[in-house]
């Protein structure tokens, strides 16, 4: 007894309409049924962006379905990337091969629902990891602002050299080092103001000596002076003359 494919297809359509009455839309009835079923993840909200995944699976019966595969396509995707579409079609192809000979639309829809939920969980996990990575990067940048650049001996010497060049400290140090290396004679020869200052000092001293006047008469009778250390005792022995006047 041959199988009545048309009757099996009609019975399945009636069962699907009762299950997916709000998500299912019949697009064609002849020569074979063509219909779509909207599938979405549990968290999907059409009014909010990035709130789940959704798509429409479009099925078309073939003359000998379910003994041969139905035609399947994906339309009107929400948050489903192109790569996901390709992988979902591959997933549906495997499910069809496993169900050849049986009415399979309900199994294909259920499998797609589960697949989308798994992909959405992966997407949320990736988003959480990305947010955590950005937070860590921001914290690391903030920490580096306070930490500054790690200093090594080489980097410090380079910085000091550049700083001294820009501020003129290097030139002053070089000049001081040159002065330290010179002997007194070399400094005297190099700095003529030292010579001039000595000459000036001698001239000023000479002028002072010439201007001093000495009274020589004060020293003429100095050799006739007799200095007696017992002046105090002689004074005690002195007796006045006997003049009563």
C-alpha atoms as a PDB file:
ATOM      1  CA  UNK A   1       0.000   0.000   0.000  1.00  0.00           C
ATOM      2  CA  UNK A   2       1.425   3.291  -1.114  1.00  0.00           C
ATOM      3  CA  UNK A   3       1.723   6.202   1.287  1.00  0.00           C
ATOM      4  CA  UNK A   4      -0.581   9.217   0.884  1.00  0.00           C
ATOM      5  CA  UNK A   5       1.983  12.042   1.214  1.00  0.00           C
ATOM      6  CA  UNK A   6      -0.555  14.777   0.677  1.00  0.00           C
ATOM      7  CA  UNK A   7      -2.705  13.555   3.521  1.00  0.00           C
ATOM      8  CA  UNK A   8       0.286  13.202   5.865  1.00  0.00           C
ATOM      9  CA  UNK A   9       1.324  16.746   5.033  1.00  0.00           C
ATOM     10  CA  UNK A  10      -2.173  18.146   5.733  1.00  0.00           C
ATOM     11  CA  UNK A  11      -2.326  16.372   9.094  1.00  0.00           C
ATOM     12  CA  UNK A  12       1.016  17.855  10.056  1.00  0.00           C
ATOM     13  CA  UNK A  13      -0.089  21.354   9.026  1.00  0.00           C
ATOM     14  CA  UNK A  14      -3.141  21.083  11.302  1.00  0.00           C
ATOM     15  CA  UNK A  15      -0.978  19.946  14.227  1.00  0.00           C
ATOM     16  CA  UNK A  16       1.553  22.753  13.658  1.00  0.00           C
ATOM     17  CA  UNK A  17      -1.162  25.422  13.481  1.00  0.00           C
ATOM     18  CA  UNK A  18      -2.490  24.283  16.847  1.00  0.00           C
ATOM     19  CA  UNK A  19       0.980  24.392  18.408  1.00  0.00           C
ATOM     20  CA  UNK A  20       2.354  27.552  16.758  1.00  0.00           C
ATOM     21  CA  UNK A  21      -0.889  29.374  16.063  1.00  0.00           C
ATOM     22  CA  UNK A  22       0.624  32.839  16.787  1.00  0.00           C
ATOM     23  CA  UNK A  23       4.064  32.186  15.253  1.00  0.00           C
ATOM     24  CA  UNK A  24       3.011  30.285  12.118  1.00  0.00           C
ATOM     25  CA  UNK A  25       1.973  31.792   8.800  1.00  0.00           C
ATOM     26  CA  UNK A  26       0.822  29.753   5.759  1.00  0.00           C
ATOM     27  CA  UNK A  27       2.282  31.327   2.618  1.00  0.00           C
ATOM     28  CA  UNK A  28       1.108  28.830  -0.070  1.00  0.00           C
ATOM     29  CA  UNK A  29      -1.131  25.733  -0.220  1.00  0.00           C
ATOM     30  CA  UNK A  30      -0.678  24.572  -3.813  1.00  0.00           C
ATOM     31  CA  UNK A  31       0.856  22.554  -5.191  1.00  0.00           C
ATOM     32  CA  UNK A  32       2.349  21.945  -1.731  1.00  0.00           C
ATOM     33  CA  UNK A  33       2.225  23.836   1.507  1.00  0.00           C
ATOM     34  CA  UNK A  34       4.776  26.565   2.143  1.00  0.00           C
ATOM     35  CA  UNK A  35       4.742  28.222   5.559  1.00  0.00           C
ATOM     36  CA  UNK A  36       6.946  30.094   8.041  1.00  0.00           C
ATOM     37  CA  UNK A  37       7.394  29.746  11.779  1.00  0.00           C
ATOM     38  CA  UNK A  38       8.996  32.475  13.890  1.00  0.00           C
ATOM     39  CA  UNK A  39      11.517  31.209  16.441  1.00  0.00           C
ATOM     40  CA  UNK A  40      13.102  33.273  19.198  1.00  0.00           C
ATOM     41  CA  UNK A  41      15.210  32.772  22.296  1.00  0.00           C
ATOM     42  CA  UNK A  42      13.565  32.929  25.708  1.00  0.00           C
ATOM     43  CA  UNK A  43      14.919  36.450  26.420  1.00  0.00           C
ATOM     44  CA  UNK A  44      13.946  37.899  23.047  1.00  0.00           C
ATOM     45  CA  UNK A  45      12.082  41.207  23.099  1.00  0.00           C
ATOM     46  CA  UNK A  46      11.206  42.761  19.743  1.00  0.00           C
ATOM     47  CA  UNK A  47      11.038  46.253  21.305  1.00  0.00           C
ATOM     48  CA  UNK A  48      14.561  46.141  22.733  1.00  0.00           C
ATOM     49  CA  UNK A  49      17.867  45.813  20.942  1.00  0.00           C
ATOM     50  CA  UNK A  50      20.304  43.082  21.923  1.00  0.00           C
ATOM     51  CA  UNK A  51      17.642  41.259  23.907  1.00  0.00           C
ATOM     52  CA  UNK A  52      17.860  37.822  22.343  1.00  0.00           C
ATOM     53  CA  UNK A  53      17.883  36.173  18.906  1.00  0.00           C
ATOM     54  CA  UNK A  54      15.044  35.522  16.507  1.00  0.00           C
ATOM     55  CA  UNK A  55      14.472  34.307  12.960  1.00  0.00           C
ATOM     56  CA  UNK A  56      11.860  32.863  10.652  1.00  0.00           C
ATOM     57  CA  UNK A  57      12.231  29.364   9.299  1.00  0.00           C
ATOM     58  CA  UNK A  58      10.491  28.960   5.948  1.00  0.00           C
ATOM     59  CA  UNK A  59       9.481  25.383   5.060  1.00  0.00           C
ATOM     60  CA  UNK A  60       8.189  24.036   1.773  1.00  0.00           C
ATOM     61  CA  UNK A  61       6.924  20.483   1.362  1.00  0.00           C
ATOM     62  CA  UNK A  62       8.228  18.348  -1.473  1.00  0.00           C
ATOM     63  CA  UNK A  63       6.072  15.781  -3.338  1.00  0.00           C
ATOM     64  CA  UNK A  64       7.226  12.817  -1.248  1.00  0.00           C
ATOM     65  CA  UNK A  65       7.831  14.528   2.085  1.00  0.00           C
ATOM     66  CA  UNK A  66       8.497  13.099   4.726  1.00  0.00           C
ATOM     67  CA  UNK A  67      10.369  10.439   2.843  1.00  0.00           C
ATOM     68  CA  UNK A  68      12.473  13.218   1.361  1.00  0.00           C
ATOM     69  CA  UNK A  69      13.761  16.421   2.943  1.00  0.00           C
ATOM     70  CA  UNK A  70      11.620  19.558   2.976  1.00  0.00           C
ATOM     71  CA  UNK A  71      13.054  22.803   1.631  1.00  0.00           C
ATOM     72  CA  UNK A  72      14.245  25.093   4.441  1.00  0.00           C
ATOM     73  CA  UNK A  73      15.437  28.708   4.420  1.00  0.00           C
ATOM     74  CA  UNK A  74      16.074  31.398   7.037  1.00  0.00           C
ATOM     75  CA  UNK A  75      14.519  34.870   6.855  1.00  0.00           C
ATOM     76  CA  UNK A  76      14.075  38.032   8.982  1.00  0.00           C
ATOM     77  CA  UNK A  77      16.840  37.383  11.467  1.00  0.00           C
ATOM     78  CA  UNK A  78      17.335  39.476  14.622  1.00  0.00           C
ATOM     79  CA  UNK A  79      20.821  39.561  16.176  1.00  0.00           C
ATOM     80  CA  UNK A  80      21.759  36.499  14.145  1.00  0.00           C
ATOM     81  CA  UNK A  81      25.008  37.063  12.290  1.00  0.00           C
ATOM     82  CA  UNK A  82      25.638  35.699   8.822  1.00  0.00           C
ATOM     83  CA  UNK A  83      28.014  33.107  10.230  1.00  0.00           C
ATOM     84  CA  UNK A  84      25.301  31.939  12.610  1.00  0.00           C
ATOM     85  CA  UNK A  85      22.851  31.561   9.712  1.00  0.00           C
ATOM     86  CA  UNK A  86      25.255  29.289   7.872  1.00  0.00           C
ATOM     87  CA  UNK A  87      25.889  27.191  10.975  1.00  0.00           C
ATOM     88  CA  UNK A  88      22.158  26.953  11.704  1.00  0.00           C
ATOM     89  CA  UNK A  89      21.475  25.650   8.187  1.00  0.00           C
ATOM     90  CA  UNK A  90      24.180  23.035   8.701  1.00  0.00           C
ATOM     91  CA  UNK A  91      22.577  22.084  12.013  1.00  0.00           C
ATOM     92  CA  UNK A  92      19.136  21.745  10.351  1.00  0.00           C
ATOM     93  CA  UNK A  93      20.576  19.623   7.555  1.00  0.00           C
ATOM     94  CA  UNK A  94      21.892  17.098  10.089  1.00  0.00           C
ATOM     95  CA  UNK A  95      18.552  17.044  11.918  1.00  0.00           C
ATOM     96  CA  UNK A  96      16.698  16.405   8.632  1.00  0.00           C
ATOM     97  CA  UNK A  97      18.958  13.481   7.800  1.00  0.00           C
ATOM     98  CA  UNK A  98      18.256  11.973  11.227  1.00  0.00           C
ATOM     99  CA  UNK A  99      14.448  12.267  10.769  1.00  0.00           C
ATOM    100  CA  UNK A 100      13.921  11.180   7.155  1.00  0.00           C
ATOM    101  CA  UNK A 101      10.709   9.107   6.888  1.00  0.00           C
ATOM    102  CA  UNK A 102       8.934  10.923   9.766  1.00  0.00           C
ATOM    103  CA  UNK A 103       7.051  14.197  10.024  1.00  0.00           C
ATOM    104  CA  UNK A 104       9.898  16.384  11.276  1.00  0.00           C
ATOM    105  CA  UNK A 105       8.849  20.053  11.297  1.00  0.00           C
ATOM    106  CA  UNK A 106       8.166  20.106  15.048  1.00  0.00           C
ATOM    107  CA  UNK A 107      11.574  18.471  15.726  1.00  0.00           C
ATOM    108  CA  UNK A 108      13.327  20.955  13.430  1.00  0.00           C
ATOM    109  CA  UNK A 109      11.679  23.944  15.125  1.00  0.00           C
ATOM    110  CA  UNK A 110      12.467  22.633  18.616  1.00  0.00           C
ATOM    111  CA  UNK A 111      16.090  21.916  17.611  1.00  0.00           C
ATOM    112  CA  UNK A 112      16.415  25.413  16.178  1.00  0.00           C
ATOM    113  CA  UNK A 113      14.977  26.930  19.366  1.00  0.00           C
ATOM    114  CA  UNK A 114      17.541  25.085  21.471  1.00  0.00           C
ATOM    115  CA  UNK A 115      20.387  26.029  19.116  1.00  0.00           C
ATOM    116  CA  UNK A 116      19.492  29.743  19.272  1.00  0.00           C
ATOM    117  CA  UNK A 117      19.341  29.673  23.076  1.00  0.00           C
ATOM    118  CA  UNK A 118      22.824  28.157  23.209  1.00  0.00           C
ATOM    119  CA  UNK A 119      24.200  30.748  20.778  1.00  0.00           C
ATOM    120  CA  UNK A 120      22.612  33.545  22.783  1.00  0.00           C
ATOM    121  CA  UNK A 121      24.225  32.248  25.971  1.00  0.00           C
ATOM    122  CA  UNK A 122      27.570  32.224  24.143  1.00  0.00           C
ATOM    123  CA  UNK A 123      26.928  35.773  22.961  1.00  0.00           C
ATOM    124  CA  UNK A 124      26.116  36.999  26.488  1.00  0.00           C
ATOM    125  CA  UNK A 125      29.209  35.306  27.885  1.00  0.00           C
ATOM    126  CA  UNK A 126      31.346  36.950  25.212  1.00  0.00           C
ATOM    127  CA  UNK A 127      29.819  40.345  26.000  1.00  0.00           C
ATOM    128  CA  UNK A 128      30.472  39.898  29.717  1.00  0.00           C
ATOM    129  CA  UNK A 129      34.083  38.925  29.053  1.00  0.00           C
ATOM    130  CA  UNK A 130      34.487  41.917  26.747  1.00  0.00           C
ATOM    131  CA  UNK A 131      33.091  44.306  29.361  1.00  0.00           C
ATOM    132  CA  UNK A 132      35.350  42.797  32.014  1.00  0.00           C
ATOM    133  CA  UNK A 133      38.348  43.177  29.681  1.00  0.00           C
ATOM    134  CA  UNK A 134      37.551  46.841  29.042  1.00  0.00           C
ATOM    135  CA  UNK A 135      37.167  47.485  32.772  1.00  0.00           C
ATOM    136  CA  UNK A 136      40.533  45.852  33.454  1.00  0.00           C
ATOM    137  CA  UNK A 137      42.149  47.907  30.683  1.00  0.00           C
ATOM    138  CA  UNK A 138      40.676  51.112  32.116  1.00  0.00           C
ATOM    139  CA  UNK A 139      41.879  50.204  35.612  1.00  0.00           C
ATOM    140  CA  UNK A 140      45.336  49.369  34.257  1.00  0.00           C
ATOM    141  CA  UNK A 141      45.552  52.711  32.445  1.00  0.00           C
ATOM    142  CA  UNK A 142      44.430  54.532  35.590  1.00  0.00           C
ATOM    143  CA  UNK A 143      47.011  52.656  37.665  1.00  0.00           C
ATOM    144  CA  UNK A 144      49.779  53.536  35.217  1.00  0.00           C
ATOM    145  CA  UNK A 145      48.931  57.238  35.615  1.00  0.00           C
ATOM    146  CA  UNK A 146      49.909  57.023  39.287  1.00  0.00           C
ATOM    147  CA  UNK A 147      52.659  54.454  38.871  1.00  0.00           C
ATOM    148  CA  UNK A 148      54.499  56.254  36.093  1.00  0.00           C
ATOM    149  CA  UNK A 149      57.237  54.749  34.006  1.00  0.00           C
ATOM    150  CA  UNK A 150      59.475  52.172  35.642  1.00  0.00           C
ATOM    151  CA  UNK A 151      62.931  53.735  36.142  1.00  0.00           C
ATOM    152  CA  UNK A 152      66.130  51.909  35.263  1.00  0.00           C
ATOM    153  CA  UNK A 153      69.718  53.095  35.598  1.00  0.00           C
ATOM    154  CA  UNK A 154      69.930  53.661  31.852  1.00  0.00           C
ATOM    155  CA  UNK A 155      66.631  55.578  31.635  1.00  0.00           C
ATOM    156  CA  UNK A 156      67.552  57.755  34.643  1.00  0.00           C
ATOM    157  CA  UNK A 157      70.971  58.671  33.233  1.00  0.00           C
ATOM    158  CA  UNK A 158      69.403  59.522  29.897  1.00  0.00           C
ATOM    159  CA  UNK A 159      66.726  61.681  31.580  1.00  0.00           C
ATOM    160  CA  UNK A 160      69.314  63.475  33.748  1.00  0.00           C
ATOM    161  CA  UNK A 161      71.487  64.239  30.731  1.00  0.00           C
ATOM    162  CA  UNK A 162      68.556  65.658  28.781  1.00  0.00           C
ATOM    163  CA  UNK A 163      67.363  67.655  31.818  1.00  0.00           C
ATOM    164  CA  UNK A 164      70.776  69.183  32.452  1.00  0.00           C
ATOM    165  CA  UNK A 165      71.166  70.092  28.789  1.00  0.00           C
ATOM    166  CA  UNK A 166      67.759  71.786  28.678  1.00  0.00           C
ATOM    167  CA  UNK A 167      68.292  73.761  31.911  1.00  0.00           C
ATOM    168  CA  UNK A 168      71.913  74.779  31.282  1.00  0.00           C
ATOM    169  CA  UNK A 169      73.212  72.854  34.279  1.00  0.00           C
ATOM    170  CA  UNK A 170      75.559  70.828  32.074  1.00  0.00           C
ATOM    171  CA  UNK A 171      77.258  73.972  30.723  1.00  0.00           C
ATOM    172  CA  UNK A 172      77.725  75.380  34.244  1.00  0.00           C
ATOM    173  CA  UNK A 173      79.164  72.103  35.487  1.00  0.00           C
ATOM    174  CA  UNK A 174      81.604  71.989  32.577  1.00  0.00           C
ATOM    175  CA  UNK A 175      82.759  75.533  33.323  1.00  0.00           C
ATOM    176  CA  UNK A 176      83.246  74.733  37.009  1.00  0.00           C
ATOM    177  CA  UNK A 177      85.180  71.603  36.144  1.00  0.00           C
ATOM    178  CA  UNK A 178      87.483  73.625  33.883  1.00  0.00           C
ATOM    179  CA  UNK A 179      88.177  76.061  36.732  1.00  0.00           C
ATOM    180  CA  UNK A 180      88.937  73.248  39.159  1.00  0.00           C
ATOM    181  CA  UNK A 181      91.475  71.733  36.811  1.00  0.00           C
ATOM    182  CA  UNK A 182      93.506  74.994  36.434  1.00  0.00           C
ATOM    183  CA  UNK A 183      96.525  75.685  38.678  1.00  0.00           C
ATOM    184  CA  UNK A 184      96.937  78.976  40.526  1.00  0.00           C
ATOM    185  CA  UNK A 185      99.397  80.192  37.930  1.00  0.00           C
ATOM    186  CA  UNK A 186      97.012  79.266  35.121  1.00  0.00           C
ATOM    187  CA  UNK A 187      94.155  81.043  36.831  1.00  0.00           C
ATOM    188  CA  UNK A 188      96.375  84.089  37.349  1.00  0.00           C
ATOM    189  CA  UNK A 189      97.334  84.131  33.686  1.00  0.00           C
ATOM    190  CA  UNK A 190      93.773  83.394  32.573  1.00  0.00           C
ATOM    191  CA  UNK A 191      92.119  86.012  34.825  1.00  0.00           C
ATOM    192  CA  UNK A 192      93.902  89.373  34.338  1.00  0.00           C
ATOM    193  CA  UNK A 193      91.751  90.965  37.015  1.00  0.00           C
ATOM    194  CA  UNK A 194      93.838  89.127  39.603  1.00  0.00           C
ATOM    195  CA  UNK A 195      96.991  90.916  38.363  1.00  0.00           C
ATOM    196  CA  UNK A 196      95.261  94.274  38.295  1.00  0.00           C
ATOM    197  CA  UNK A 197      93.889  93.810  41.804  1.00  0.00           C
ATOM    198  CA  UNK A 198      97.388  93.127  43.215  1.00  0.00           C
ATOM    199  CA  UNK A 199      98.862  96.177  41.532  1.00  0.00           C
ATOM    200  CA  UNK A 200      95.992  98.270  42.817  1.00  0.00           C
ATOM    201  CA  UNK A 201      96.574  96.994  46.348  1.00  0.00           C
ATOM    202  CA  UNK A 202     100.297  97.849  46.211  1.00  0.00           C
ATOM    203  CA  UNK A 203      99.609 101.312  44.834  1.00  0.00           C
ATOM    204  CA  UNK A 204      97.063 102.021  47.538  1.00  0.00           C
ATOM    205  CA  UNK A 205      99.490 100.803  50.227  1.00  0.00           C
ATOM    206  CA  UNK A 206     102.342 102.962  48.789  1.00  0.00           C
ATOM    207  CA  UNK A 207     100.202 106.043  48.808  1.00  0.00           C
ATOM    208  CA  UNK A 208      99.420 105.446  52.454  1.00  0.00           C
ATOM    209  CA  UNK A 209     103.114 105.112  53.437  1.00  0.00           C
ATOM    210  CA  UNK A 210     104.150 108.289  51.587  1.00  0.00           C
ATOM    211  CA  UNK A 211     101.379 110.276  53.182  1.00  0.00           C
ATOM    212  CA  UNK A 212     102.493 109.397  56.748  1.00  0.00           C
ATOM    213  CA  UNK A 213     104.676 112.201  58.348  1.00  0.00           C
ATOM    214  CA  UNK A 214     107.113 111.232  61.141  1.00  0.00           C
ATOM    215  CA  UNK A 215     108.434 113.787  63.736  1.00  0.00           C
ATOM    216  CA  UNK A 216     112.109 112.746  64.166  1.00  0.00           C
ATOM    217  CA  UNK A 217     112.726 115.077  67.136  1.00  0.00           C
ATOM    218  CA  UNK A 218     110.686 112.769  69.304  1.00  0.00           C
ATOM    219  CA  UNK A 219     113.428 110.161  69.081  1.00  0.00           C
ATOM    220  CA  UNK A 220     116.602 112.359  69.474  1.00  0.00           C
ATOM    221  CA  UNK A 221     116.994 112.178  73.309  1.00  0.00           C
ATOM    222  CA  UNK A 222     115.659 108.604  73.724  1.00  0.00           C
ATOM    223  CA  UNK A 223     119.211 107.325  74.449  1.00  0.00           C
ATOM    224  CA  UNK A 224     119.687 109.721  77.470  1.00  0.00           C
ATOM    225  CA  UNK A 225     116.619 108.395  79.277  1.00  0.00           C
ATOM    226  CA  UNK A 226     117.286 106.284  82.428  1.00  0.00           C
ATOM    227  CA  UNK A 227     114.511 103.940  83.356  1.00  0.00           C
ATOM    228  CA  UNK A 228     114.693 102.672  86.988  1.00  0.00           C
ATOM    229  CA  UNK A 229     112.504  99.780  87.965  1.00  0.00           C
ATOM    230  CA  UNK A 230     112.663 100.812  91.686  1.00  0.00           C
ATOM    231  CA  UNK A 231     110.977 104.162  91.319  1.00  0.00           C
ATOM    232  CA  UNK A 232     108.325 103.219  93.856  1.00  0.00           C
ATOM    233  CA  UNK A 233     110.851 102.260  96.573  1.00  0.00           C
ATOM    234  CA  UNK A 234     112.888 105.472  96.107  1.00  0.00           C
ATOM    235  CA  UNK A 235     109.798 107.484  96.629  1.00  0.00           C
ATOM    236  CA  UNK A 236     109.260 105.895 100.028  1.00  0.00           C
ATOM    237  CA  UNK A 237     112.867 106.681 101.201  1.00  0.00           C
ATOM    238  CA  UNK A 238     112.742 110.265 100.151  1.00  0.00           C
ATOM    239  CA  UNK A 239     113.096 112.800 103.015  1.00  0.00           C
ATOM    240  CA  UNK A 240     112.252 116.445 102.486  1.00  0.00           C
ATOM    241  CA  UNK A 241     114.736 119.184 103.109  1.00  0.00           C
ATOM    242  CA  UNK A 242     114.860 120.689 106.534  1.00  0.00           C
ATOM    243  CA  UNK A 243     113.532 124.035 105.458  1.00  0.00           C
ATOM    244  CA  UNK A 244     110.807 124.821 107.888  1.00  0.00           C
ATOM    245  CA  UNK A 245     109.677 127.463 105.501  1.00  0.00           C
END
